[in-house]
């Protein structure tokens, strides 16, 4: 039997490394844009990106993400030819849907420029980013194929590759004086190059045209994809509705500030994203093999360590929100400090929601996720209108945080009632107490220490971090025995 502990932690290590690198490159790109573009143009770029992003799941019909679920099942059953058949079907469907998408964007780009974006460069940026979105669809097929095949090094390197190319391309475009259109072109170049690189790596020697179509499998992909699409409709509303409604109800300047605040708060999102990327195919494999006890034990550890990681990081970003925004984007973006604090609280809860939703997807119950996201999306839209009208981007932050809290609570209750996972409530309470000590030490040292900003923050984080770790060990949230047991499993190639 495979050593799943070693397999999971090795994958987590690879994904963590590439995720951090991709995150760094992503923030470098955003920082370059913030410094090279006027705030209104910065807002335009991310408003258009949100607009075209809203159509992503409809273009794929959810079938690209269905590959993550079906590939482990087909591989476990030694049906390699069906995997290629699935890929061929998904590629064919996306060619048709993306062609229709481009036609619609071309027809309505002028109208959208005049009545929605209200910016003279909007039409050109919209068309360029629409083509970028097409290539993004095909990059995602390759990415999810690698994830479903558990080729985690390839899967996790995709975002780093495209953001690195985007960074280099944007510097080149800005040096030539192309402004916001150059930013859009840089994104297009990054997607095209990434698609060519990973198609060669993953499918360069394959001849998908020669694979016979499996009608039953295609039907299953469409059915599962439809359920996934319904789930991601809610996710799209949560991801993009804020910027879309800010564009409609306020102005591009507020979109620009929110477009800096939101992704910076989502720095924390990389932790659950890394873990759930490994979690989904493993849960699918455990569930299909009837290894429910392995699954529950893995989830117990995941929930415990996730909260232990997220709490201190959330508190640190909460306290130093103004400093983070000034360093990354410049002083004009520091106005979003309060909105940033609100979002950090929400993202903390969203990490739980991400794990919960991955569990339901992995055991073949995406309908539960559909209902949770439907509740969240409905709440988000209903609250966004009055809160954005009254408070602008701060109102969008409040609405998003409230939605994340709601969804995490609903999902946790569903897991508990379904007896799918055993949630470590006692450990969570102890971790909360340790985090309170961490926060108290940070606040106290922040008042009494007189130093330059960067070394002062470093000393405070180091000191409060030591207190936090000591509290976790003293409260037995983490034990030496548990760590040694995990290390022993890592040394074994077989269970």
Protein backbone atom coordinates (compact mmCIF):
# COMPACT_ATOMS: atom_id res chain seq x y z
CA UNK A 1 0.00 0.00 0.00
CA UNK A 2 1.30 3.42 -0.88
CA UNK A 3 2.54 5.63 1.90
CA UNK A 4 -0.11 8.34 1.70
CA UNK A 5 1.43 10.48 4.43
CA UNK A 6 4.69 10.70 2.53
CA UNK A 7 2.87 11.18 -0.75
CA UNK A 8 0.71 13.99 0.60
CA UNK A 9 3.47 15.84 2.46
CA UNK A 10 5.91 15.54 -0.44
CA UNK A 11 3.26 17.01 -2.74
CA UNK A 12 2.48 19.74 -0.22
CA UNK A 13 6.18 20.64 -0.11
CA UNK A 14 6.42 20.96 -3.89
CA UNK A 15 3.19 22.91 -4.19
CA UNK A 16 4.08 25.17 -1.28
CA UNK A 17 7.42 26.08 -2.87
CA UNK A 18 5.90 26.86 -6.27
CA UNK A 19 2.87 28.58 -4.74
CA UNK A 20 5.10 30.93 -2.78
CA UNK A 21 7.14 31.66 -5.90
CA UNK A 22 3.99 32.19 -7.98
CA UNK A 23 2.54 34.42 -5.28
CA UNK A 24 5.69 36.52 -5.17
CA UNK A 25 5.68 36.89 -8.95
CA UNK A 26 1.97 37.73 -8.91
CA UNK A 27 2.51 40.53 -6.42
CA UNK A 28 5.53 41.76 -8.34
CA UNK A 29 3.33 42.06 -11.44
CA UNK A 30 0.60 43.85 -9.50
CA UNK A 31 3.16 46.19 -7.91
CA UNK A 32 4.65 46.98 -11.33
CA UNK A 33 1.17 47.80 -12.64
CA UNK A 34 0.38 49.94 -9.57
CA UNK A 35 3.51 52.02 -10.05
CA UNK A 36 3.45 52.28 -13.85
CA UNK A 37 -0.27 52.93 -14.38
CA UNK A 38 -2.48 55.79 -13.18
CA UNK A 39 -4.87 54.57 -10.47
CA UNK A 40 -7.86 54.78 -12.84
CA UNK A 41 -6.05 52.68 -15.49
CA UNK A 42 -5.01 50.21 -12.79
CA UNK A 43 -8.69 49.94 -11.86
CA UNK A 44 -9.68 49.54 -15.52
CA UNK A 45 -7.30 46.63 -16.06
CA UNK A 46 -8.58 44.66 -13.07
CA UNK A 47 -12.19 45.57 -13.78
CA UNK A 48 -11.89 44.15 -17.31
CA UNK A 49 -10.02 41.11 -15.98
CA UNK A 50 -12.88 40.48 -13.54
CA UNK A 51 -15.44 40.93 -16.32
CA UNK A 52 -13.88 38.34 -18.67
CA UNK A 53 -13.16 36.09 -15.70
CA UNK A 54 -16.90 35.88 -14.97
CA UNK A 55 -17.31 33.84 -18.15
CA UNK A 56 -14.56 31.31 -17.42
CA UNK A 57 -16.62 28.51 -15.92
CA UNK A 58 -19.34 28.89 -18.58
CA UNK A 59 -16.78 28.46 -21.35
CA UNK A 60 -15.46 25.24 -19.82
CA UNK A 61 -18.88 23.98 -18.63
CA UNK A 62 -17.02 22.72 -15.56
CA UNK A 63 -15.52 19.83 -17.50
CA UNK A 64 -11.91 20.94 -17.09
CA UNK A 65 -12.30 20.66 -13.29
CA UNK A 66 -14.13 17.35 -13.69
CA UNK A 67 -10.80 15.93 -14.89
CA UNK A 68 -9.44 16.26 -11.32
CA UNK A 69 -12.18 13.91 -10.11
CA UNK A 70 -12.21 11.39 -12.97
CA UNK A 71 -8.50 10.95 -13.74
CA UNK A 72 -7.62 9.33 -10.35
CA UNK A 73 -10.64 7.01 -10.69
CA UNK A 74 -9.72 6.00 -14.25
CA UNK A 75 -6.05 5.58 -13.36
CA UNK A 76 -6.95 3.46 -10.33
CA UNK A 77 -9.02 1.25 -12.66
CA UNK A 78 -6.08 1.13 -15.15
CA UNK A 79 -8.15 2.75 -17.93
CA UNK A 80 -5.49 5.01 -19.43
CA UNK A 81 -7.16 5.20 -22.84
CA UNK A 82 -10.26 6.71 -21.25
CA UNK A 83 -8.16 9.49 -19.75
CA UNK A 84 -7.05 10.51 -23.25
CA UNK A 85 -10.65 10.26 -24.45
CA UNK A 86 -11.70 12.60 -21.66
CA UNK A 87 -9.01 15.11 -22.64
CA UNK A 88 -10.05 15.03 -26.28
CA UNK A 89 -13.69 15.67 -25.38
CA UNK A 90 -12.87 18.58 -23.07
CA UNK A 91 -10.55 20.22 -25.63
CA UNK A 92 -13.24 19.91 -28.34
CA UNK A 93 -15.96 21.46 -26.17
CA UNK A 94 -13.77 24.39 -25.17
CA UNK A 95 -12.89 25.19 -28.78
CA UNK A 96 -16.58 25.73 -29.52
CA UNK A 97 -17.47 27.69 -26.38
CA UNK A 98 -14.44 29.98 -26.58
CA UNK A 99 -15.15 30.81 -30.22
CA UNK A 100 -18.68 31.91 -29.25
CA UNK A 101 -17.27 33.95 -26.37
CA UNK A 102 -14.89 35.89 -28.62
CA UNK A 103 -17.64 36.69 -31.11
CA UNK A 104 -19.84 38.12 -28.34
CA UNK A 105 -17.01 40.23 -26.89
CA UNK A 106 -16.18 41.65 -30.33
CA UNK A 107 -19.82 42.57 -30.94
CA UNK A 108 -20.40 44.31 -27.61
CA UNK A 109 -16.96 45.79 -26.79
CA UNK A 110 -17.89 49.28 -27.98
CA UNK A 111 -21.13 49.32 -26.02
CA UNK A 112 -19.36 48.15 -22.87
CA UNK A 113 -16.71 50.83 -23.27
CA UNK A 114 -19.30 53.62 -23.48
CA UNK A 115 -21.86 52.52 -20.88
CA UNK A 116 -20.09 50.27 -18.39
CA UNK A 117 -16.33 50.86 -18.12
CA UNK A 118 -16.58 54.51 -19.23
CA UNK A 119 -12.89 54.66 -20.24
CA UNK A 120 -11.46 55.39 -23.72
CA UNK A 121 -9.11 52.38 -23.67
CA UNK A 122 -11.68 49.89 -22.40
CA UNK A 123 -12.60 48.32 -25.77
CA UNK A 124 -9.02 47.50 -26.73
CA UNK A 125 -8.17 46.16 -23.26
CA UNK A 126 -11.36 44.09 -23.27
CA UNK A 127 -10.59 42.40 -26.60
CA UNK A 128 -6.96 41.65 -25.64
CA UNK A 129 -7.96 40.18 -22.29
CA UNK A 130 -10.76 38.19 -23.93
CA UNK A 131 -8.18 36.44 -26.12
CA UNK A 132 -6.05 36.00 -22.98
CA UNK A 133 -9.07 34.35 -21.34
CA UNK A 134 -9.35 31.86 -24.22
CA UNK A 135 -5.78 30.67 -23.77
CA UNK A 136 -6.36 30.62 -20.02
CA UNK A 137 -9.12 28.06 -20.59
CA UNK A 138 -6.73 25.71 -22.37
CA UNK A 139 -3.95 26.25 -19.84
CA UNK A 140 -6.43 25.21 -17.15
CA UNK A 141 -7.16 21.93 -18.94
CA UNK A 142 -3.45 21.11 -18.86
CA UNK A 143 -3.17 22.26 -15.25
CA UNK A 144 -6.09 20.17 -14.03
CA UNK A 145 -4.90 17.19 -16.07
CA UNK A 146 -1.56 17.38 -14.24
CA UNK A 147 -3.35 17.73 -10.89
CA UNK A 148 -5.65 14.78 -11.51
CA UNK A 149 -2.62 12.73 -12.59
CA UNK A 150 -0.91 13.81 -9.32
CA UNK A 151 2.02 15.31 -11.23
CA UNK A 152 2.21 17.98 -8.60
CA UNK A 153 5.51 19.54 -9.67
CA UNK A 154 4.09 20.22 -13.14
CA UNK A 155 0.70 21.32 -11.77
CA UNK A 156 2.13 23.70 -9.22
CA UNK A 157 4.65 25.29 -11.60
CA UNK A 158 2.01 26.56 -14.06
CA UNK A 159 1.09 29.75 -12.21
CA UNK A 160 4.71 30.57 -11.45
CA UNK A 161 5.58 30.17 -15.12
CA UNK A 162 2.83 32.40 -16.43
CA UNK A 163 3.32 35.11 -13.84
CA UNK A 164 7.07 35.16 -14.52
CA UNK A 165 6.40 35.62 -18.22
CA UNK A 166 3.78 38.29 -17.43
CA UNK A 167 6.29 40.19 -15.27
CA UNK A 168 8.97 40.19 -17.96
CA UNK A 169 6.48 41.05 -20.71
CA UNK A 170 4.93 43.92 -18.74
CA UNK A 171 8.31 45.54 -18.06
CA UNK A 172 9.07 45.35 -21.78
CA UNK A 173 5.64 46.79 -22.70
CA UNK A 174 5.84 49.65 -20.21
CA UNK A 175 9.33 50.58 -21.38
CA UNK A 176 7.87 50.95 -24.87
CA UNK A 177 5.19 53.26 -23.45
CA UNK A 178 2.13 51.09 -24.09
CA UNK A 179 0.38 51.76 -20.74
CA UNK A 180 -2.74 49.80 -19.84
CA UNK A 181 -2.90 48.17 -23.30
CA UNK A 182 0.65 46.94 -22.76
CA UNK A 183 -0.40 45.43 -19.42
CA UNK A 184 -3.20 43.53 -21.18
CA UNK A 185 -0.81 42.39 -23.94
CA UNK A 186 1.65 41.14 -21.31
CA UNK A 187 -1.06 38.95 -19.81
CA UNK A 188 -1.95 37.59 -23.25
CA UNK A 189 1.68 36.74 -24.04
CA UNK A 190 2.03 34.95 -20.70
CA UNK A 191 -0.99 32.71 -21.34
CA UNK A 192 0.01 31.84 -24.90
CA UNK A 193 3.58 30.97 -23.91
CA UNK A 194 2.41 28.94 -20.90
CA UNK A 195 0.01 26.93 -23.03
CA UNK A 196 2.72 26.03 -25.55
CA UNK A 197 5.22 25.06 -22.84
CA UNK A 198 2.87 22.79 -20.87
CA UNK A 199 1.19 21.25 -23.89
CA UNK A 200 4.63 20.07 -24.96
CA UNK A 201 5.47 18.80 -21.44
CA UNK A 202 2.19 16.94 -20.85
CA UNK A 203 0.83 16.03 -24.26
CA UNK A 204 3.64 16.61 -26.74
CA UNK A 205 3.85 12.95 -27.72
CA UNK A 206 0.12 12.24 -27.57
CA UNK A 207 -2.14 11.92 -30.60
CA UNK A 208 -5.52 12.83 -29.17
CA UNK A 209 -7.18 12.77 -32.60
CA UNK A 210 -6.56 9.03 -32.83
CA UNK A 211 -8.36 8.33 -29.55
CA UNK A 212 -11.90 7.01 -29.98
CA UNK A 213 -14.66 8.98 -28.30
CA UNK A 214 -16.14 7.30 -25.22
CA UNK A 215 -19.76 8.46 -25.21
CA UNK A 216 -20.53 7.21 -21.73
CA UNK A 217 -17.50 8.93 -20.26
CA UNK A 218 -18.28 12.13 -22.17
CA UNK A 219 -21.79 12.05 -20.72
CA UNK A 220 -20.40 11.58 -17.20
CA UNK A 221 -17.96 14.46 -17.70
CA UNK A 222 -20.76 16.75 -18.83
CA UNK A 223 -23.00 15.75 -15.92
CA UNK A 224 -20.29 16.16 -13.28
CA UNK A 225 -19.03 19.29 -15.01
CA UNK A 226 -22.51 20.81 -14.89
CA UNK A 227 -22.60 20.32 -11.12
CA UNK A 228 -19.11 21.79 -10.80
CA UNK A 229 -20.19 24.70 -12.99
CA UNK A 230 -23.10 25.43 -10.68
CA UNK A 231 -20.67 25.41 -7.75
CA UNK A 232 -18.26 27.74 -9.49
CA UNK A 233 -21.01 30.14 -10.53
CA UNK A 234 -21.26 30.98 -6.85
CA UNK A 235 -17.48 31.17 -6.68
CA UNK A 236 -17.39 33.55 -9.65
CA UNK A 237 -19.95 35.79 -8.02
CA UNK A 238 -17.83 35.90 -4.88
CA UNK A 239 -14.59 36.48 -6.80
CA UNK A 240 -15.68 39.05 -9.34
CA UNK A 241 -19.00 40.64 -8.37
CA UNK A 242 -17.32 43.15 -6.05
CA UNK A 243 -15.23 44.68 -8.85
CA UNK A 244 -18.09 44.51 -11.34
CA UNK A 245 -20.50 46.26 -8.97
CA UNK A 246 -17.88 48.80 -7.90
CA UNK A 247 -17.36 49.63 -11.59
CA UNK A 248 -21.11 50.00 -12.08
CA UNK A 249 -22.03 51.78 -8.84
CA UNK A 250 -18.87 53.75 -7.98
CA UNK A 251 -15.79 54.39 -10.17
CA UNK A 252 -12.58 52.84 -11.50
CA UNK A 253 -10.46 54.56 -8.83
CA UNK A 254 -12.26 52.60 -6.10
CA UNK A 255 -11.91 49.46 -8.22
CA UNK A 256 -8.18 50.16 -8.30
CA UNK A 257 -7.88 50.40 -4.51
CA UNK A 258 -10.01 47.29 -4.00
CA UNK A 259 -7.97 45.45 -6.64
CA UNK A 260 -4.90 46.00 -4.45
CA UNK A 261 -6.58 45.33 -1.10
CA UNK A 262 -8.44 42.12 -1.98
CA UNK A 263 -5.58 40.07 -3.48
CA UNK A 264 -3.24 41.22 -0.71
CA UNK A 265 -5.63 39.90 1.92
CA UNK A 266 -5.81 36.74 -0.18
CA UNK A 267 -2.11 36.16 0.51
CA UNK A 268 -3.47 33.87 3.21
CA UNK A 269 -5.44 31.97 0.58
CA UNK A 270 -2.27 30.30 -0.70
CA UNK A 271 -2.07 28.10 2.40
CA UNK A 272 -5.44 26.34 2.02
CA UNK A 273 -5.05 26.38 -1.77
CA UNK A 274 -1.78 24.46 -1.47
CA UNK A 275 -3.26 21.94 0.93
CA UNK A 276 -6.52 21.38 -0.96
CA UNK A 277 -4.69 20.93 -4.28
CA UNK A 278 -3.17 17.79 -2.78
CA UNK A 279 -6.25 16.94 -0.75
CA UNK A 280 -8.78 16.57 -3.60
CA UNK A 281 -7.23 13.69 -5.62
CA UNK A 282 -6.25 11.88 -2.39
CA UNK A 283 -9.75 12.14 -0.94
CA UNK A 284 -11.18 10.90 -4.24
CA UNK A 285 -8.80 7.93 -4.10
CA UNK A 286 -9.50 7.16 -0.42
CA UNK A 287 -13.24 7.38 -0.91
CA UNK A 288 -13.30 5.20 -4.04
CA UNK A 289 -11.23 2.54 -2.20
CA UNK A 290 -13.34 2.67 0.96
CA UNK A 291 -10.44 3.95 3.09
CA UNK A 292 -12.63 6.28 5.16
CA UNK A 293 -10.55 6.05 8.35
CA UNK A 294 -7.43 7.17 6.49
CA UNK A 295 -9.44 10.06 5.09
CA UNK A 296 -10.79 11.13 8.50
CA UNK A 297 -7.38 11.01 10.13
CA UNK A 298 -5.87 13.05 7.35
CA UNK A 299 -8.64 15.62 7.62
CA UNK A 300 -8.28 15.86 11.38
CA UNK A 301 -4.61 16.75 11.02
CA UNK A 302 -5.36 19.11 8.15
CA UNK A 303 -7.99 21.07 10.10
CA UNK A 304 -5.78 21.29 13.15
CA UNK A 305 -2.63 22.49 11.41
CA UNK A 306 -4.52 24.77 9.01
CA UNK A 307 -5.98 26.86 11.84
CA UNK A 308 -2.65 26.82 13.70
CA UNK A 309 -1.00 28.34 10.62
CA UNK A 310 -3.72 30.75 9.60
CA UNK A 311 -4.44 32.47 12.92
CA UNK A 312 -1.06 34.12 13.59
CA UNK A 313 -0.59 35.08 9.94
CA UNK A 314 -4.05 36.66 9.88
CA UNK A 315 -3.35 38.63 13.04
CA UNK A 316 0.01 39.85 11.73
CA UNK A 317 -1.54 41.14 8.49
CA UNK A 318 -4.38 42.70 10.49
CA UNK A 319 -2.00 44.74 12.63
CA UNK A 320 0.36 45.77 9.83
CA UNK A 321 -2.22 46.34 7.08
CA UNK A 322 -1.17 49.94 6.41
CA UNK A 323 2.52 49.03 6.24
CA UNK A 324 1.87 46.12 3.84
CA UNK A 325 -0.17 48.22 1.41
CA UNK A 326 2.38 51.05 1.39
CA UNK A 327 5.31 48.70 0.75
CA UNK A 328 3.58 46.75 -2.02
CA UNK A 329 1.69 49.44 -3.90
CA UNK A 330 2.57 52.91 -2.65
CA UNK A 331 1.05 55.48 -0.30
CA UNK A 332 -2.10 56.16 -2.34
CA UNK A 333 -3.25 52.58 -1.75
CA UNK A 334 -2.89 52.82 2.04
CA UNK A 335 -6.39 54.34 2.12
CA UNK A 336 -7.65 50.77 1.87
CA UNK A 337 -6.15 49.73 5.23
CA UNK A 338 -9.48 49.30 7.03
CA UNK A 339 -10.95 47.32 4.14
CA UNK A 340 -7.84 45.13 4.24
CA UNK A 341 -8.34 44.37 7.94
CA UNK A 342 -11.94 43.34 7.32
CA UNK A 343 -10.97 41.05 4.45
CA UNK A 344 -8.21 39.37 6.47
CA UNK A 345 -10.84 38.22 8.97
CA UNK A 346 -13.00 36.90 6.15
CA UNK A 347 -10.16 35.05 4.43
CA UNK A 348 -9.40 33.28 7.69
CA UNK A 349 -12.87 31.73 7.59
CA UNK A 350 -12.63 31.14 3.86
CA UNK A 351 -9.73 28.75 4.47
CA UNK A 352 -12.12 26.47 6.36
CA UNK A 353 -14.67 26.75 3.58
CA UNK A 354 -12.06 25.75 1.00
CA UNK A 355 -11.18 22.57 2.89
CA UNK A 356 -14.84 21.73 3.47
CA UNK A 357 -15.73 22.18 -0.19
CA UNK A 358 -12.81 20.02 -1.30
CA UNK A 359 -14.04 17.22 0.95
CA UNK A 360 -17.51 17.30 -0.60
CA UNK A 361 -16.07 17.41 -4.12
CA UNK A 362 -13.66 14.54 -3.38
CA UNK A 363 -16.39 12.19 -2.13
CA UNK A 364 -18.57 12.90 -5.16
CA UNK A 365 -21.10 15.21 -3.46
CA UNK A 366 -20.69 18.48 -5.33
CA UNK A 367 -24.36 19.28 -4.79
CA UNK A 368 -23.58 20.18 -1.19
CA UNK A 369 -21.04 22.70 -2.42
CA UNK A 370 -23.59 24.00 -4.90
CA UNK A 371 -26.03 24.80 -2.12
CA UNK A 372 -23.39 26.37 0.10
CA UNK A 373 -22.10 28.59 -2.68
CA UNK A 374 -25.63 29.45 -3.77
CA UNK A 375 -26.35 30.67 -0.25
CA UNK A 376 -23.07 32.60 -0.18
CA UNK A 377 -23.53 34.12 -3.64
CA UNK A 378 -27.10 35.20 -2.89
CA UNK A 379 -26.01 36.80 0.38
CA UNK A 380 -23.07 38.49 -1.36
CA UNK A 381 -25.17 40.05 -4.12
CA UNK A 382 -27.94 41.10 -1.73
CA UNK A 383 -25.50 42.80 0.64
CA UNK A 384 -23.20 44.25 -2.02
CA UNK A 385 -25.74 46.64 -3.49
CA UNK A 386 -26.53 48.64 -0.32
CA UNK A 387 -23.05 48.33 1.21
CA UNK A 388 -21.18 49.39 -1.95
CA UNK A 389 -23.55 52.30 -2.51
CA UNK A 390 -23.01 53.49 1.09
CA UNK A 391 -19.37 52.60 1.76
CA UNK A 392 -17.72 51.84 -1.61
CA UNK A 393 -14.82 49.40 -1.51
CA UNK A 394 -15.07 49.16 2.30
CA UNK A 395 -18.65 47.97 1.86
CA UNK A 396 -17.46 45.36 -0.66
CA UNK A 397 -14.90 44.13 1.90
CA UNK A 398 -17.53 43.85 4.65
CA UNK A 399 -19.86 41.91 2.36
CA UNK A 400 -17.12 39.52 1.22
CA UNK A 401 -15.95 38.81 4.78
CA UNK A 402 -19.52 38.17 5.98
CA UNK A 403 -20.10 35.79 3.07
CA UNK A 404 -16.96 33.77 3.82
CA UNK A 405 -17.97 33.43 7.47
CA UNK A 406 -21.46 32.27 6.50
CA UNK A 407 -20.20 29.64 4.04
CA UNK A 408 -17.61 28.23 6.44
CA UNK A 409 -20.25 27.79 9.14
CA UNK A 410 -22.75 26.11 6.80
CA UNK A 411 -20.11 23.72 5.43
CA UNK A 412 -18.77 22.80 8.86
CA UNK A 413 -22.29 22.03 10.10
CA UNK A 414 -22.92 19.86 7.02
CA UNK A 415 -19.71 17.89 7.62
CA UNK A 416 -20.56 17.38 11.28
CA UNK A 417 -24.12 16.21 10.61
CA UNK A 418 -22.98 13.92 7.81
CA UNK A 419 -20.30 12.34 10.04
CA UNK A 420 -17.85 12.75 7.17
CA UNK A 421 -15.06 14.34 9.21
CA UNK A 422 -14.16 14.66 12.88
CA UNK A 423 -13.51 18.31 13.61
CA UNK A 424 -10.90 19.13 16.30
CA UNK A 425 -12.96 21.66 18.27
CA UNK A 426 -10.88 21.33 21.44
CA UNK A 427 -7.65 21.96 19.54
CA UNK A 428 -9.23 24.94 17.79
CA UNK A 429 -10.15 26.47 21.15
CA UNK A 430 -6.62 25.98 22.47
CA UNK A 431 -5.18 27.43 19.27
CA UNK A 432 -7.45 30.45 19.69
CA UNK A 433 -6.06 31.02 23.20
CA UNK A 434 -2.48 30.77 21.90
CA UNK A 435 -3.35 33.23 19.13
CA UNK A 436 -4.73 35.67 21.72
CA UNK A 437 -1.34 35.56 23.48
CA UNK A 438 0.37 36.12 20.13
CA UNK A 439 -1.83 39.16 19.46
CA UNK A 440 -1.28 40.57 22.93
CA UNK A 441 2.50 40.32 22.65
CA UNK A 442 2.41 42.01 19.23
CA UNK A 443 0.28 44.92 20.46
CA UNK A 444 2.42 45.44 23.57
CA UNK A 445 5.76 45.34 21.74
CA UNK A 446 4.41 47.56 19.00
CA UNK A 447 3.78 50.25 21.64
CA UNK A 448 6.99 49.99 23.68
CA UNK A 449 9.67 49.33 21.04
CA UNK A 450 11.29 52.35 19.42
CA UNK A 451 13.03 51.20 16.22
CA UNK A 452 12.92 51.57 12.45
CA UNK A 453 9.81 50.00 10.93
CA UNK A 454 11.30 46.92 9.25
CA UNK A 455 13.58 45.70 12.08
CA UNK A 456 10.87 46.55 14.62
CA UNK A 457 8.30 44.40 12.82
CA UNK A 458 10.85 41.58 12.46
CA UNK A 459 11.61 41.62 16.22
CA UNK A 460 7.91 41.72 17.11
CA UNK A 461 6.98 38.86 14.79
CA UNK A 462 9.87 36.72 16.02
CA UNK A 463 9.08 37.35 19.70
CA UNK A 464 5.33 36.81 19.40
CA UNK A 465 5.94 33.76 17.19
CA UNK A 466 8.07 32.13 19.91
CA UNK A 467 5.32 32.79 22.47
CA UNK A 468 2.72 31.31 20.11
CA UNK A 469 4.71 28.13 19.41
CA UNK A 470 5.47 27.65 23.10
CA UNK A 471 1.75 27.99 23.90
CA UNK A 472 0.83 25.41 21.24
CA UNK A 473 3.24 22.89 22.75
CA UNK A 474 2.22 23.65 26.33
CA UNK A 475 -1.47 23.27 25.47
CA UNK A 476 -0.63 20.05 23.58
CA UNK A 477 -2.08 21.27 20.31
CA UNK A 478 1.22 20.14 18.81
CA UNK A 479 3.28 17.39 20.37
CA UNK A 480 6.79 16.14 19.78
CA UNK A 481 5.42 12.61 19.45
CA UNK A 482 3.04 13.62 16.67
CA UNK A 483 5.79 15.37 14.74
CA UNK A 484 8.14 12.39 15.15
CA UNK A 485 5.39 10.06 13.94
CA UNK A 486 4.91 12.12 10.79
CA UNK A 487 8.68 12.14 10.19
CA UNK A 488 8.82 8.35 10.60
CA UNK A 489 6.10 7.94 8.00
CA UNK A 490 8.04 10.16 5.62
CA UNK A 491 11.05 7.84 5.88
CA UNK A 492 9.06 4.83 4.82
CA UNK A 493 8.26 4.08 1.22
CA UNK A 494 5.67 1.46 2.19
CA UNK A 495 3.14 1.25 4.99
